Amino acid sequence: MSRFAPVTDEELVRARSDSAFRQKLLSQNMEVLLAGLTKLRKTPAANGPGAHQIREGVELAVRLAELIQGSAKPFRGG
């Protein structure tokens, strides 16, 4: 698996009109997020991020899962 690469404006435009691409993009980002959370969990507590940061990551993973499953509206920002 590769490191996180920010989504480009071009990818965002394509994702809005191409549901298969959007699904792939969300799935790839879910994989990266889960790998990051797994790495954080294995970090010793004294050197690690703490429960708050891990909880935020889990909340993001749940939100991504909802988007992948189609049960949530995409975030519009604001």
Protein backbone atom coordinates (compact mmCIF):
# COMPACT_ATOMS: atom_id res chain seq x y z
CA MET A 1 0.00 0.00 0.00
CA SER A 2 1.19 3.48 -0.79
CA ARG A 3 1.42 6.52 1.43
CA PHE A 4 -1.40 9.02 1.57
CA ALA A 5 -1.63 11.23 -1.50
CA PRO A 6 -3.99 14.20 -1.33
CA VAL A 7 -6.91 14.08 -3.73
CA THR A 8 -6.47 16.50 -6.61
CA ASP A 9 -9.09 18.94 -7.87
CA GLU A 10 -9.26 16.91 -11.08
CA GLU A 11 -10.03 13.73 -9.11
CA LEU A 12 -12.74 15.53 -7.14
CA VAL A 13 -14.41 16.71 -10.34
CA ARG A 14 -14.28 13.20 -11.79
CA ALA A 15 -15.56 11.63 -8.56
CA ARG A 16 -18.64 13.86 -8.66
CA SER A 17 -19.68 12.50 -12.03
CA ASP A 18 -18.23 8.96 -12.04
CA SER A 19 -19.64 6.78 -9.27
CA ALA A 20 -17.25 3.88 -9.94
CA PHE A 21 -14.25 6.21 -9.67
CA ARG A 22 -15.71 7.79 -6.51
CA GLN A 23 -16.12 4.33 -4.96
CA LYS A 24 -12.53 3.42 -5.85
CA LEU A 25 -11.19 6.70 -4.44
CA LEU A 26 -13.10 6.24 -1.18
CA SER A 27 -11.97 2.62 -0.85
CA GLN A 28 -8.32 3.52 -1.42
CA ASN A 29 -8.50 6.25 1.20
CA MET A 30 -10.19 3.85 3.63
CA GLU A 31 -7.29 1.42 3.20
CA VAL A 32 -4.75 4.16 3.91
CA LEU A 33 -6.71 5.39 6.95
CA LEU A 34 -7.05 1.89 8.43
CA ALA A 35 -3.34 1.19 7.87
CA GLY A 36 -2.51 4.43 9.66
CA LEU A 37 -4.78 3.58 12.57
CA THR A 38 -3.23 0.14 12.86
CA LYS A 39 0.23 1.71 12.96
CA LEU A 40 -0.88 4.20 15.64
CA ARG A 41 -2.38 1.44 17.76
CA LYS A 42 0.96 -0.37 17.77
CA THR A 43 2.86 2.75 18.89
CA PRO A 44 3.82 2.65 22.59
CA ALA A 45 1.52 4.87 24.67
CA ALA A 46 4.36 7.11 25.84
CA ASN A 47 5.35 7.88 22.23
CA GLY A 48 1.93 7.54 20.64
CA PRO A 49 -0.83 9.89 19.63
CA GLY A 50 -3.22 9.23 22.47
CA ALA A 51 -6.80 8.07 22.54
CA HIS A 52 -8.25 11.32 21.18
CA GLN A 53 -6.38 11.15 17.87
CA ILE A 54 -7.19 7.47 17.41
CA ARG A 55 -10.87 8.16 18.15
CA GLU A 56 -10.86 10.90 15.49
CA GLY A 57 -9.38 8.42 13.01
CA VAL A 58 -12.05 5.87 13.83
CA GLU A 59 -14.77 8.49 13.34
CA LEU A 60 -13.29 9.32 9.93
CA ALA A 61 -13.23 5.61 9.06
CA VAL A 62 -16.90 5.27 9.98
CA ARG A 63 -17.76 8.31 7.85
CA LEU A 64 -15.80 6.90 4.91
CA ALA A 65 -17.53 3.53 5.32
CA GLU A 66 -20.90 5.28 5.19
CA LEU A 67 -19.88 7.07 1.99
CA ILE A 68 -18.61 3.84 0.44
CA GLN A 69 -21.88 2.10 1.28
CA GLY A 70 -23.85 5.02 -0.12
CA SER A 71 -25.75 5.75 3.09
CA ALA A 72 -24.31 9.22 3.62
CA LYS A 73 -24.28 12.43 1.65
CA PRO A 74 -20.83 13.64 0.59
CA PHE A 75 -19.36 16.34 2.82
CA ARG A 76 -19.63 19.76 1.17
CA GLY A 77 -17.44 21.64 3.64
CA GLY A 78 -18.32 24.84 5.36
